[in-house]
PDB file of N, CA and C in Angstrom:
ATOM      1  N   MET A   1     -20.029  22.410  19.836  1.00  0.00           N
ATOM      2  CA  MET A   1     -19.900  21.450  18.744  1.00  0.00           C
ATOM      3  C   MET A   1     -20.046  20.031  19.299  1.00  0.00           C
ATOM      4  N   ALA A   2     -20.831  19.232  18.633  1.00  0.00           N
ATOM      5  CA  ALA A   2     -21.087  17.865  19.081  1.00  0.00           C
ATOM      6  C   ALA A   2     -19.916  16.958  18.717  1.00  0.00           C
ATOM      7  N   ASN A   3     -19.713  15.944  19.545  1.00  0.00           N
ATOM      8  CA  ASN A   3     -18.645  14.982  19.281  1.00  0.00           C
ATOM      9  C   ASN A   3     -19.180  13.561  19.219  1.00  0.00           C
ATOM     10  N   GLY A   4     -20.424  13.374  18.850  1.00  0.00           N
ATOM     11  CA  GLY A   4     -21.036  12.055  18.800  1.00  0.00           C
ATOM     12  C   GLY A   4     -20.635  11.282  17.562  1.00  0.00           C
ATOM     13  N   PRO A   5     -21.084  10.037  17.466  1.00  0.00           N
ATOM     14  CA  PRO A   5     -20.703   9.175  16.345  1.00  0.00           C
ATOM     15  C   PRO A   5     -21.240   9.648  14.998  1.00  0.00           C
ATOM     16  N   LEU A   6     -22.289  10.451  14.993  1.00  0.00           N
ATOM     17  CA  LEU A   6     -22.858  10.920  13.728  1.00  0.00           C
ATOM     18  C   LEU A   6     -22.302  12.270  13.295  1.00  0.00           C
ATOM     19  N   THR A   7     -21.416  12.856  14.100  1.00  0.00           N
ATOM     20  CA  THR A   7     -20.893  14.176  13.786  1.00  0.00           C
ATOM     21  C   THR A   7     -20.226  14.213  12.418  1.00  0.00           C
ATOM     22  N   LEU A   8     -19.334  13.280  12.127  1.00  0.00           N
ATOM     23  CA  LEU A   8     -18.654  13.241  10.833  1.00  0.00           C
ATOM     24  C   LEU A   8     -19.639  12.904   9.721  1.00  0.00           C
ATOM     25  N   THR A   9     -20.498  11.925   9.968  1.00  0.00           N
ATOM     26  CA  THR A   9     -21.450  11.489   8.954  1.00  0.00           C
ATOM     27  C   THR A   9     -22.347  12.632   8.509  1.00  0.00           C
ATOM     28  N   ASN A  10     -22.755  13.469   9.441  1.00  0.00           N
ATOM     29  CA  ASN A  10     -23.664  14.573   9.128  1.00  0.00           C
ATOM     30  C   ASN A  10     -22.937  15.872   8.813  1.00  0.00           C
ATOM     31  N   SER A  11     -21.610  15.856   8.783  1.00  0.00           N
ATOM     32  CA  SER A  11     -20.857  17.092   8.583  1.00  0.00           C
ATOM     33  C   SER A  11     -20.977  17.592   7.150  1.00  0.00           C
ATOM     34  N   LEU A  12     -20.940  18.896   7.008  1.00  0.00           N
ATOM     35  CA  LEU A  12     -21.006  19.533   5.691  1.00  0.00           C
ATOM     36  C   LEU A  12     -19.786  19.157   4.858  1.00  0.00           C
ATOM     37  N   ALA A  13     -18.622  19.038   5.504  1.00  0.00           N
ATOM     38  CA  ALA A  13     -17.389  18.691   4.782  1.00  0.00           C
ATOM     39  C   ALA A  13     -17.512  17.321   4.114  1.00  0.00           C
ATOM     40  N   LEU A  14     -18.041  16.344   4.831  1.00  0.00           N
ATOM     41  CA  LEU A  14     -18.173  15.008   4.251  1.00  0.00           C
ATOM     42  C   LEU A  14     -19.252  14.993   3.170  1.00  0.00           C
ATOM     43  N   GLN A  15     -20.308  15.738   3.372  1.00  0.00           N
ATOM     44  CA  GLN A  15     -21.374  15.797   2.371  1.00  0.00           C
ATOM     45  C   GLN A  15     -20.880  16.400   1.062  1.00  0.00           C
ATOM     46  N   GLN A  16     -19.883  17.276   1.130  1.00  0.00           N
ATOM     47  CA  GLN A  16     -19.344  17.921  -0.069  1.00  0.00           C
ATOM     48  C   GLN A  16     -18.167  17.138  -0.666  1.00  0.00           C
ATOM     49  N   ALA A  17     -17.768  16.081  -0.028  1.00  0.00           N
ATOM     50  CA  ALA A  17     -16.609  15.312  -0.478  1.00  0.00           C
ATOM     51  C   ALA A  17     -16.951  14.477  -1.710  1.00  0.00           C
ATOM     52  N   ASN A  18     -15.908  14.000  -2.355  1.00  0.00           N
ATOM     53  CA  ASN A  18     -16.020  13.096  -3.495  1.00  0.00           C
ATOM     54  C   ASN A  18     -16.869  11.890  -3.085  1.00  0.00           C
ATOM     55  N   SER A  19     -17.739  11.441  -3.965  1.00  0.00           N
ATOM     56  CA  SER A  19     -18.627  10.316  -3.638  1.00  0.00           C
ATOM     57  C   SER A  19     -17.831   9.039  -3.325  1.00  0.00           C
ATOM     58  N   LYS A  20     -16.669   8.873  -3.949  1.00  0.00           N
ATOM     59  CA  LYS A  20     -15.836   7.703  -3.647  1.00  0.00           C
ATOM     60  C   LYS A  20     -15.369   7.740  -2.196  1.00  0.00           C
ATOM     61  N   ILE A  21     -15.007   8.921  -1.717  1.00  0.00           N
ATOM     62  CA  ILE A  21     -14.556   9.064  -0.336  1.00  0.00           C
ATOM     63  C   ILE A  21     -15.705   8.781   0.623  1.00  0.00           C
ATOM     64  N   ILE A  22     -16.887   9.286   0.311  1.00  0.00           N
ATOM     65  CA  ILE A  22     -18.052   9.044   1.159  1.00  0.00           C
ATOM     66  C   ILE A  22     -18.358   7.554   1.212  1.00  0.00           C
ATOM     67  N   ASN A  23     -18.374   6.897   0.056  1.00  0.00           N
ATOM     68  CA  ASN A  23     -18.646   5.450   0.006  1.00  0.00           C
ATOM     69  C   ASN A  23     -17.593   4.657   0.765  1.00  0.00           C
ATOM     70  N   PHE A  24     -16.335   5.069   0.623  1.00  0.00           N
ATOM     71  CA  PHE A  24     -15.233   4.410   1.317  1.00  0.00           C
ATOM     72  C   PHE A  24     -15.423   4.511   2.822  1.00  0.00           C
ATOM     73  N   CYS A  25     -15.774   5.695   3.285  1.00  0.00           N
ATOM     74  CA  CYS A  25     -16.011   5.919   4.715  1.00  0.00           C
ATOM     75  C   CYS A  25     -17.148   5.045   5.209  1.00  0.00           C
ATOM     76  N   GLU A  26     -18.250   5.034   4.479  1.00  0.00           N
ATOM     77  CA  GLU A  26     -19.420   4.260   4.901  1.00  0.00           C
ATOM     78  C   GLU A  26     -19.161   2.756   4.879  1.00  0.00           C
ATOM     79  N   LYS A  27     -18.321   2.310   3.965  1.00  0.00           N
ATOM     80  CA  LYS A  27     -18.071   0.877   3.838  1.00  0.00           C
ATOM     81  C   LYS A  27     -17.066   0.351   4.863  1.00  0.00           C
ATOM     82  N   TYR A  28     -15.984   1.104   5.114  1.00  0.00           N
ATOM     83  CA  TYR A  28     -14.895   0.577   5.933  1.00  0.00           C
ATOM     84  C   TYR A  28     -14.702   1.253   7.285  1.00  0.00           C
ATOM     85  N   PHE A  29     -15.304   2.402   7.487  1.00  0.00           N
ATOM     86  CA  PHE A  29     -15.053   3.144   8.725  1.00  0.00           C
ATOM     87  C   PHE A  29     -16.343   3.508   9.456  1.00  0.00           C
ATOM     88  N   THR A  30     -17.322   2.637   9.433  1.00  0.00           N
ATOM     89  CA  THR A  30     -18.595   2.937  10.078  1.00  0.00           C
ATOM     90  C   THR A  30     -18.462   3.054  11.593  1.00  0.00           C
ATOM     91  N   THR A  31     -17.561   2.307  12.182  1.00  0.00           N
ATOM     92  CA  THR A  31     -17.423   2.336  13.640  1.00  0.00           C
ATOM     93  C   THR A  31     -16.213   3.129  14.115  1.00  0.00           C
ATOM     94  N   ASN A  32     -15.352   3.561  13.208  1.00  0.00           N
ATOM     95  CA  ASN A  32     -14.139   4.262  13.626  1.00  0.00           C
ATOM     96  C   ASN A  32     -13.908   5.497  12.767  1.00  0.00           C
ATOM     97  N   LYS A  33     -14.676   6.523  13.029  1.00  0.00           N
ATOM     98  CA  LYS A  33     -14.576   7.764  12.250  1.00  0.00           C
ATOM     99  C   LYS A  33     -13.256   8.485  12.499  1.00  0.00           C
ATOM    100  N   ARG A  34     -12.718   8.353  13.680  1.00  0.00           N
ATOM    101  CA  ARG A  34     -11.440   9.017  13.991  1.00  0.00           C
ATOM    102  C   ARG A  34     -10.327   8.474  13.082  1.00  0.00           C
ATOM    103  N   ASP A  35     -10.337   7.180  12.853  1.00  0.00           N
ATOM    104  CA  ASP A  35      -9.370   6.553  11.952  1.00  0.00           C
ATOM    105  C   ASP A  35      -9.551   7.089  10.529  1.00  0.00           C
ATOM    106  N   PHE A  36     -10.793   7.291  10.143  1.00  0.00           N
ATOM    107  CA  PHE A  36     -11.071   7.824   8.813  1.00  0.00           C
ATOM    108  C   PHE A  36     -10.550   9.255   8.664  1.00  0.00           C
ATOM    109  N   VAL A  37     -10.717  10.055   9.679  1.00  0.00           N
ATOM    110  CA  VAL A  37     -10.197  11.428   9.653  1.00  0.00           C
ATOM    111  C   VAL A  37      -8.676  11.404   9.541  1.00  0.00           C
ATOM    112  N   GLU A  38      -8.041  10.474  10.243  1.00  0.00           N
ATOM    113  CA  GLU A  38      -6.583  10.321  10.139  1.00  0.00           C
ATOM    114  C   GLU A  38      -6.176   9.941   8.714  1.00  0.00           C
ATOM    115  N   LEU A  39      -6.976   9.088   8.074  1.00  0.00           N
ATOM    116  CA  LEU A  39      -6.707   8.700   6.693  1.00  0.00           C
ATOM    117  C   LEU A  39      -6.835   9.900   5.755  1.00  0.00           C
ATOM    118  N   LEU A  40      -7.845  10.727   5.978  1.00  0.00           N
ATOM    119  CA  LEU A  40      -8.009  11.934   5.157  1.00  0.00           C
ATOM    120  C   LEU A  40      -6.809  12.871   5.315  1.00  0.00           C
ATOM    121  N   SER A  41      -6.323  13.006   6.530  1.00  0.00           N
ATOM    122  CA  SER A  41      -5.134  13.851   6.770  1.00  0.00           C
ATOM    123  C   SER A  41      -3.925  13.293   6.032  1.00  0.00           C
ATOM    124  N   PHE A  42      -3.765  11.967   6.074  1.00  0.00           N
ATOM    125  CA  PHE A  42      -2.672  11.311   5.350  1.00  0.00           C
ATOM    126  C   PHE A  42      -2.790  11.583   3.845  1.00  0.00           C
ATOM    127  N   MET A  43      -3.999  11.443   3.329  1.00  0.00           N
ATOM    128  CA  MET A  43      -4.213  11.667   1.896  1.00  0.00           C
ATOM    129  C   MET A  43      -3.846  13.088   1.499  1.00  0.00           C
ATOM    130  N   LYS A  44      -4.210  14.035   2.340  1.00  0.00           N
ATOM    131  CA  LYS A  44      -3.898  15.426   2.037  1.00  0.00           C
ATOM    132  C   LYS A  44      -2.397  15.700   2.152  1.00  0.00           C
ATOM    133  N   GLU A  45      -1.788  15.226   3.223  1.00  0.00           N
ATOM    134  CA  GLU A  45      -0.373  15.494   3.467  1.00  0.00           C
ATOM    135  C   GLU A  45       0.522  14.912   2.381  1.00  0.00           C
ATOM    136  N   PHE A  46       0.216  13.695   1.927  1.00  0.00           N
ATOM    137  CA  PHE A  46       1.062  13.023   0.956  1.00  0.00           C
ATOM    138  C   PHE A  46       0.478  13.020  -0.459  1.00  0.00           C
ATOM    139  N   GLU A  47      -0.606  13.785  -0.630  1.00  0.00           N
ATOM    140  CA  GLU A  47      -1.266  13.920  -1.938  1.00  0.00           C
ATOM    141  C   GLU A  47      -1.603  12.550  -2.543  1.00  0.00           C
ATOM    142  N   VAL A  48      -2.224  11.712  -1.728  1.00  0.00           N
ATOM    143  CA  VAL A  48      -2.616  10.368  -2.142  1.00  0.00           C
ATOM    144  C   VAL A  48      -4.053  10.413  -2.641  1.00  0.00           C
ATOM    145  N   GLN A  49      -4.287   9.880  -3.811  1.00  0.00           N
ATOM    146  CA  GLN A  49      -5.628   9.848  -4.390  1.00  0.00           C
ATOM    147  C   GLN A  49      -6.424   8.681  -3.806  1.00  0.00           C
ATOM    148  N   ILE A  50      -7.732   8.812  -3.811  1.00  0.00           N
ATOM    149  CA  ILE A  50      -8.609   7.770  -3.280  1.00  0.00           C
ATOM    150  C   ILE A  50      -8.422   6.454  -4.031  1.00  0.00           C
ATOM    151  N   GLU A  51      -8.083   6.510  -5.302  1.00  0.00           N
ATOM    152  CA  GLU A  51      -7.865   5.287  -6.083  1.00  0.00           C
ATOM    153  C   GLU A  51      -6.714   4.461  -5.519  1.00  0.00           C
ATOM    154  N   LYS A  52      -5.693   5.133  -5.048  1.00  0.00           N
ATOM    155  CA  LYS A  52      -4.556   4.424  -4.458  1.00  0.00           C
ATOM    156  C   LYS A  52      -4.962   3.784  -3.132  1.00  0.00           C
ATOM    157  N   ILE A  53      -5.769   4.486  -2.385  1.00  0.00           N
ATOM    158  CA  ILE A  53      -6.279   3.949  -1.124  1.00  0.00           C
ATOM    159  C   ILE A  53      -7.145   2.719  -1.415  1.00  0.00           C
ATOM    160  N   GLU A  54      -8.003   2.841  -2.410  1.00  0.00           N
ATOM    161  CA  GLU A  54      -8.880   1.731  -2.777  1.00  0.00           C
ATOM    162  C   GLU A  54      -8.082   0.518  -3.253  1.00  0.00           C
ATOM    163  N   SER A  55      -6.966   0.751  -3.912  1.00  0.00           N
ATOM    164  CA  SER A  55      -6.160  -0.373  -4.403  1.00  0.00           C
ATOM    165  C   SER A  55      -5.479  -1.132  -3.258  1.00  0.00           C
ATOM    166  N   ALA A  56      -5.344  -0.510  -2.101  1.00  0.00           N
ATOM    167  CA  ALA A  56      -4.733  -1.182  -0.950  1.00  0.00           C
ATOM    168  C   ALA A  56      -5.723  -2.119  -0.257  1.00  0.00           C
ATOM    169  N   ILE A  57      -6.996  -1.875  -0.428  1.00  0.00           N
ATOM    170  CA  ILE A  57      -8.016  -2.647   0.289  1.00  0.00           C
ATOM    171  C   ILE A  57      -7.999  -4.133  -0.064  1.00  0.00           C
ATOM    172  N   PRO A  58      -7.949  -4.528  -1.352  1.00  0.00           N
ATOM    173  CA  PRO A  58      -7.940  -5.969  -1.641  1.00  0.00           C
ATOM    174  C   PRO A  58      -6.791  -6.721  -0.960  1.00  0.00           C
ATOM    175  N   LYS A  59      -5.636  -6.080  -0.848  1.00  0.00           N
ATOM    176  CA  LYS A  59      -4.498  -6.709  -0.171  1.00  0.00           C
ATOM    177  C   LYS A  59      -4.811  -6.925   1.305  1.00  0.00           C
ATOM    178  N   MET A  60      -5.451  -5.931   1.906  1.00  0.00           N
ATOM    179  CA  MET A  60      -5.800  -6.036   3.316  1.00  0.00           C
ATOM    180  C   MET A  60      -6.882  -7.087   3.539  1.00  0.00           C
ATOM    181  N   LEU A  61      -7.826  -7.170   2.631  1.00  0.00           N
ATOM    182  CA  LEU A  61      -8.907  -8.142   2.761  1.00  0.00           C
ATOM    183  C   LEU A  61      -8.390  -9.575   2.681  1.00  0.00           C
ATOM    184  N   LEU A  62      -7.335  -9.783   1.899  1.00  0.00           N
ATOM    185  CA  LEU A  62      -6.735 -11.117   1.824  1.00  0.00           C
ATOM    186  C   LEU A  62      -6.102 -11.525   3.152  1.00  0.00           C
ATOM    187  N   ILE A  63      -5.515 -10.569   3.821  1.00  0.00           N
ATOM    188  CA  ILE A  63      -4.837 -10.838   5.084  1.00  0.00           C
ATOM    189  C   ILE A  63      -5.840 -11.003   6.225  1.00  0.00           C
ATOM    190  N   ASN A  64      -6.735 -10.025   6.361  1.00  0.00           N
ATOM    191  CA  ASN A  64      -7.731 -10.065   7.434  1.00  0.00           C
ATOM    192  C   ASN A  64      -8.930  -9.221   7.023  1.00  0.00           C
ATOM    193  N   PRO A  65      -9.991  -9.858   6.561  1.00  0.00           N
ATOM    194  CA  PRO A  65     -11.136  -9.117   6.035  1.00  0.00           C
ATOM    195  C   PRO A  65     -11.886  -8.287   7.066  1.00  0.00           C
ATOM    196  N   THR A  66     -11.630  -8.492   8.334  1.00  0.00           N
ATOM    197  CA  THR A  66     -12.356  -7.737   9.354  1.00  0.00           C
ATOM    198  C   THR A  66     -11.533  -6.607   9.967  1.00  0.00           C
ATOM    199  N   ASP A  67     -10.328  -6.403   9.489  1.00  0.00           N
ATOM    200  CA  ASP A  67      -9.444  -5.422  10.129  1.00  0.00           C
ATOM    201  C   ASP A  67      -8.905  -4.422   9.102  1.00  0.00           C
ATOM    202  N   ILE A  68      -9.737  -3.492   8.703  1.00  0.00           N
ATOM    203  CA  ILE A  68      -9.323  -2.422   7.789  1.00  0.00           C
ATOM    204  C   ILE A  68      -9.004  -1.204   8.658  1.00  0.00           C
ATOM    205  N   ARG A  69      -7.714  -0.861   8.732  1.00  0.00           N
ATOM    206  CA  ARG A  69      -7.293   0.261   9.574  1.00  0.00           C
ATOM    207  C   ARG A  69      -6.401   1.211   8.798  1.00  0.00           C
ATOM    208  N   THR A  70      -6.415   2.450   9.233  1.00  0.00           N
ATOM    209  CA  THR A  70      -5.644   3.497   8.582  1.00  0.00           C
ATOM    210  C   THR A  70      -4.163   3.196   8.573  1.00  0.00           C
ATOM    211  N   ASP A  71      -3.615   2.711   9.669  1.00  0.00           N
ATOM    212  CA  ASP A  71      -2.172   2.465   9.707  1.00  0.00           C
ATOM    213  C   ASP A  71      -1.756   1.444   8.660  1.00  0.00           C
ATOM    214  N   LYS A  72      -2.579   0.437   8.428  1.00  0.00           N
ATOM    215  CA  LYS A  72      -2.268  -0.563   7.407  1.00  0.00           C
ATOM    216  C   LYS A  72      -2.398   0.019   6.006  1.00  0.00           C
ATOM    217  N   ILE A  73      -3.420   0.825   5.790  1.00  0.00           N
ATOM    218  CA  ILE A  73      -3.606   1.462   4.478  1.00  0.00           C
ATOM    219  C   ILE A  73      -2.421   2.366   4.168  1.00  0.00           C
ATOM    220  N   LYS A  74      -2.001   3.154   5.167  1.00  0.00           N
ATOM    221  CA  LYS A  74      -0.865   4.051   4.968  1.00  0.00           C
ATOM    222  C   LYS A  74       0.391   3.257   4.624  1.00  0.00           C
ATOM    223  N   LEU A  75       0.615   2.174   5.334  1.00  0.00           N
ATOM    224  CA  LEU A  75       1.792   1.346   5.086  1.00  0.00           C
ATOM    225  C   LEU A  75       1.776   0.795   3.658  1.00  0.00           C
ATOM    226  N   LEU A  76       0.648   0.268   3.230  1.00  0.00           N
ATOM    227  CA  LEU A  76       0.550  -0.276   1.874  1.00  0.00           C
ATOM    228  C   LEU A  76       0.742   0.805   0.820  1.00  0.00           C
ATOM    229  N   CYS A  77       0.185   1.973   1.051  1.00  0.00           N
ATOM    230  CA  CYS A  77       0.346   3.068   0.078  1.00  0.00           C
ATOM    231  C   CYS A  77       1.789   3.535   0.001  1.00  0.00           C
ATOM    232  N   MET A  78       2.456   3.614   1.128  1.00  0.00           N
ATOM    233  CA  MET A  78       3.851   4.045   1.132  1.00  0.00           C
ATOM    234  C   MET A  78       4.743   2.976   0.514  1.00  0.00           C
ATOM    235  N   ASN A  79       4.436   1.697   0.739  1.00  0.00           N
ATOM    236  CA  ASN A  79       5.207   0.620   0.128  1.00  0.00           C
ATOM    237  C   ASN A  79       5.033   0.606  -1.376  1.00  0.00           C
ATOM    238  N   ASN A  80       3.838   0.911  -1.852  1.00  0.00           N
ATOM    239  CA  ASN A  80       3.606   0.962  -3.291  1.00  0.00           C
ATOM    240  C   ASN A  80       4.472   2.026  -3.931  1.00  0.00           C
ATOM    241  N   ASP A  81       4.684   3.149  -3.240  1.00  0.00           N
ATOM    242  CA  ASP A  81       5.544   4.197  -3.777  1.00  0.00           C
ATOM    243  C   ASP A  81       6.978   3.722  -3.913  1.00  0.00           C
ATOM    244  N   SER A  82       7.473   3.005  -2.909  1.00  0.00           N
ATOM    245  CA  SER A  82       8.860   2.547  -2.976  1.00  0.00           C
ATOM    246  C   SER A  82       9.024   1.458  -4.024  1.00  0.00           C
ATOM    247  N   ASP A  83       7.968   0.668  -4.259  1.00  0.00           N
ATOM    248  CA  ASP A  83       8.041  -0.370  -5.290  1.00  0.00           C
ATOM    249  C   ASP A  83       8.216   0.235  -6.671  1.00  0.00           C
ATOM    250  N   SER A  84       7.660   1.417  -6.888  1.00  0.00           N
ATOM    251  CA  SER A  84       7.743   2.019  -8.210  1.00  0.00           C
ATOM    252  C   SER A  84       9.150   2.516  -8.536  1.00  0.00           C
ATOM    253  N   ASN A  85      10.011   2.600  -7.527  1.00  0.00           N
ATOM    254  CA  ASN A  85      11.377   3.057  -7.756  1.00  0.00           C
ATOM    255  C   ASN A  85      12.357   1.921  -8.011  1.00  0.00           C
ATOM    256  N   ILE A  86      11.863   0.700  -8.016  1.00  0.00           N
ATOM    257  CA  ILE A  86      12.739  -0.450  -8.215  1.00  0.00           C
ATOM    258  C   ILE A  86      13.145  -0.534  -9.681  1.00  0.00           C
ATOM    259  N   ASN A  87      14.432  -0.754  -9.921  1.00  0.00           N
ATOM    260  CA  ASN A  87      14.953  -0.853 -11.275  1.00  0.00           C
ATOM    261  C   ASN A  87      14.777  -2.285 -11.762  1.00  0.00           C
ATOM    262  N   ILE A  88      13.932  -2.472 -12.769  1.00  0.00           N
ATOM    263  CA  ILE A  88      13.672  -3.827 -13.250  1.00  0.00           C
ATOM    264  C   ILE A  88      14.278  -4.076 -14.628  1.00  0.00           C
ATOM    265  N   ASN A  89      15.093  -3.189 -15.115  1.00  0.00           N
ATOM    266  CA  ASN A  89      15.657  -3.386 -16.445  1.00  0.00           C
ATOM    267  C   ASN A  89      16.965  -4.179 -16.428  1.00  0.00           C
ATOM    268  N   GLY A  90      17.402  -4.640 -15.252  1.00  0.00           N
ATOM    269  CA  GLY A  90      18.557  -5.514 -15.179  1.00  0.00           C
ATOM    270  C   GLY A  90      19.897  -4.803 -15.186  1.00  0.00           C
ATOM    271  N   GLU A  91      19.907  -3.532 -14.938  1.00  0.00           N
ATOM    272  CA  GLU A  91      21.173  -2.812 -14.991  1.00  0.00           C
ATOM    273  C   GLU A  91      21.714  -2.443 -13.614  1.00  0.00           C
ATOM    274  N   ASP A  92      21.035  -2.837 -12.552  1.00  0.00           N
ATOM    275  CA  ASP A  92      21.574  -2.501 -11.247  1.00  0.00           C
ATOM    276  C   ASP A  92      22.551  -3.580 -10.784  1.00  0.00           C
ATOM    277  N   GLU A  93      23.352  -3.252  -9.810  1.00  0.00           N
ATOM    278  CA  GLU A  93      24.449  -4.113  -9.356  1.00  0.00           C
ATOM    279  C   GLU A  93      23.944  -5.415  -8.740  1.00  0.00           C
ATOM    280  N   ILE A  94      22.886  -5.351  -7.968  1.00  0.00           N
ATOM    281  CA  ILE A  94      22.359  -6.562  -7.332  1.00  0.00           C
ATOM    282  C   ILE A  94      21.873  -7.547  -8.383  1.00  0.00           C
ATOM    283  N   TYR A  95      21.188  -7.048  -9.375  1.00  0.00           N
ATOM    284  CA  TYR A  95      20.678  -7.916 -10.436  1.00  0.00           C
ATOM    285  C   TYR A  95      21.843  -8.591 -11.167  1.00  0.00           C
ATOM    286  N   GLN A  96      22.856  -7.826 -11.530  1.00  0.00           N
ATOM    287  CA  GLN A  96      23.997  -8.376 -12.256  1.00  0.00           C
ATOM    288  C   GLN A  96      24.746  -9.412 -11.415  1.00  0.00           C
ATOM    289  N   ASN A  97      24.953  -9.118 -10.125  1.00  0.00           N
ATOM    290  CA  ASN A  97      25.632 -10.072  -9.248  1.00  0.00           C
ATOM    291  C   ASN A  97      24.818 -11.355  -9.093  1.00  0.00           C
ATOM    292  N   SER A  98      23.522 -11.220  -8.963  1.00  0.00           N
ATOM    293  CA  SER A  98      22.658 -12.398  -8.851  1.00  0.00           C
ATOM    294  C   SER A  98      22.714 -13.240 -10.115  1.00  0.00           C
ATOM    295  N   LYS A  99      22.675 -12.577 -11.240  1.00  0.00           N
ATOM    296  CA  LYS A  99      22.738 -13.280 -12.519  1.00  0.00           C
ATOM    297  C   LYS A  99      24.068 -14.022 -12.662  1.00  0.00           C
ATOM    298  N   ASN A 100      25.162 -13.368 -12.279  1.00  0.00           N
ATOM    299  CA  ASN A 100      26.478 -14.008 -12.334  1.00  0.00           C
ATOM    300  C   ASN A 100      26.551 -15.211 -11.409  1.00  0.00           C
ATOM    301  N   MET A 101      25.999 -15.100 -10.211  1.00  0.00           N
ATOM    302  CA  MET A 101      26.009 -16.226  -9.267  1.00  0.00           C
ATOM    303  C   MET A 101      25.206 -17.398  -9.824  1.00  0.00           C
ATOM    304  N   LEU A 102      24.071 -17.125 -10.409  1.00  0.00           N
ATOM    305  CA  LEU A 102      23.271 -18.202 -10.994  1.00  0.00           C
ATOM    306  C   LEU A 102      24.022 -18.886 -12.130  1.00  0.00           C
ATOM    307  N   HIS A 103      24.723 -18.100 -12.917  1.00  0.00           N
ATOM    308  CA  HIS A 103      25.512 -18.661 -14.007  1.00  0.00           C
ATOM    309  C   HIS A 103      26.617 -19.566 -13.456  1.00  0.00           C
ATOM    310  N   LEU A 104      27.274 -19.139 -12.390  1.00  0.00           N
ATOM    311  CA  LEU A 104      28.320 -19.952 -11.768  1.00  0.00           C
ATOM    312  C   LEU A 104      27.742 -21.246 -11.191  1.00  0.00           C
ATOM    313  N   TYR A 105      26.586 -21.166 -10.547  1.00  0.00           N
ATOM    314  CA  TYR A 105      25.937 -22.383 -10.038  1.00  0.00           C
ATOM    315  C   TYR A 105      25.560 -23.328 -11.177  1.00  0.00           C
ATOM    316  N   GLU A 106      25.095 -22.764 -12.255  1.00  0.00           N
ATOM    317  CA  GLU A 106      24.731 -23.577 -13.413  1.00  0.00           C
ATOM    318  C   GLU A 106      25.951 -24.330 -13.937  1.00  0.00           C
ATOM    319  N   GLN A 107      27.078 -23.626 -14.048  1.00  0.00           N
ATOM    320  CA  GLN A 107      28.305 -24.280 -14.507  1.00  0.00           C
ATOM    321  C   GLN A 107      28.738 -25.371 -13.536  1.00  0.00           C
ATOM    322  N   LEU A 108      28.645 -25.091 -12.282  1.00  0.00           N
ATOM    323  CA  LEU A 108      29.046 -26.050 -11.262  1.00  0.00           C
ATOM    324  C   LEU A 108      28.171 -27.311 -11.319  1.00  0.00           C
ATOM    325  N   LEU A 109      26.888 -27.142 -11.450  1.00  0.00           N
ATOM    326  CA  LEU A 109      25.972 -28.278 -11.495  1.00  0.00           C
ATOM    327  C   LEU A 109      26.079 -29.069 -12.797  1.00  0.00           C
ATOM    328  N   ASN A 110      26.345 -28.375 -13.885  1.00  0.00           N
ATOM    329  CA  ASN A 110      26.427 -29.051 -15.174  1.00  0.00           C
ATOM    330  C   ASN A 110      27.720 -29.821 -15.364  1.00  0.00           C
ATOM    331  N   THR A 111      28.817 -29.306 -14.846  1.00  0.00           N
ATOM    332  CA  THR A 111      30.107 -29.932 -15.079  1.00  0.00           C
ATOM    333  C   THR A 111      30.587 -30.778 -13.916  1.00  0.00           C
ATOM    334  N   GLY A 112      30.073 -30.501 -12.732  1.00  0.00           N
ATOM    335  CA  GLY A 112      30.546 -31.214 -11.572  1.00  0.00           C
ATOM    336  C   GLY A 112      31.911 -30.707 -11.123  1.00  0.00           C
ATOM    337  N   LYS A 113      32.408 -29.665 -11.757  1.00  0.00           N
ATOM    338  CA  LYS A 113      33.708 -29.104 -11.406  1.00  0.00           C
ATOM    339  C   LYS A 113      33.513 -27.831 -10.610  1.00  0.00           C
ATOM    340  N   GLU A 114      34.541 -27.501  -9.866  1.00  0.00           N
ATOM    341  CA  GLU A 114      34.519 -26.261  -9.104  1.00  0.00           C
ATOM    342  C   GLU A 114      34.762 -25.088 -10.060  1.00  0.00           C
ATOM    343  N   VAL A 115      34.014 -24.041  -9.902  1.00  0.00           N
ATOM    344  CA  VAL A 115      34.127 -22.873 -10.768  1.00  0.00           C
ATOM    345  C   VAL A 115      34.851 -21.766 -10.035  1.00  0.00           C
ATOM    346  N   ALA A 116      35.881 -21.202 -10.664  1.00  0.00           N
ATOM    347  CA  ALA A 116      36.616 -20.090 -10.050  1.00  0.00           C
ATOM    348  C   ALA A 116      35.846 -18.804 -10.232  1.00  0.00           C
ATOM    349  N   MET A 117      35.896 -17.971  -9.218  1.00  0.00           N
ATOM    350  CA  MET A 117      35.179 -16.696  -9.294  1.00  0.00           C
ATOM    351  C   MET A 117      36.080 -15.620  -9.692  1.00  0.00           C
TER     352      MET A 117
END
């Protein structure tokens, strides 16, 4: 079995893959096929869709347009998952404590008096 730079490009597995995956590989992993294979393993292991991978790219391009790497993509995808678990309806303890502190600061600034907690 050959291990040259065209091995992945000419492989039957890649030829049968989703066209988005093929385009993604050709666009961002032309010089680092091993990194691309690692990304495919990550996608399979964590059941990550190509759309989620694609959504991480604009963030990476803002930071460094010449450095698209699997480790960064994985980090962004995993962070996106944790962001979806954040409670934004205002019922968690941190939100309530923050709101109370802001209210106390507002009273302090408006009245010039010390506010008891």
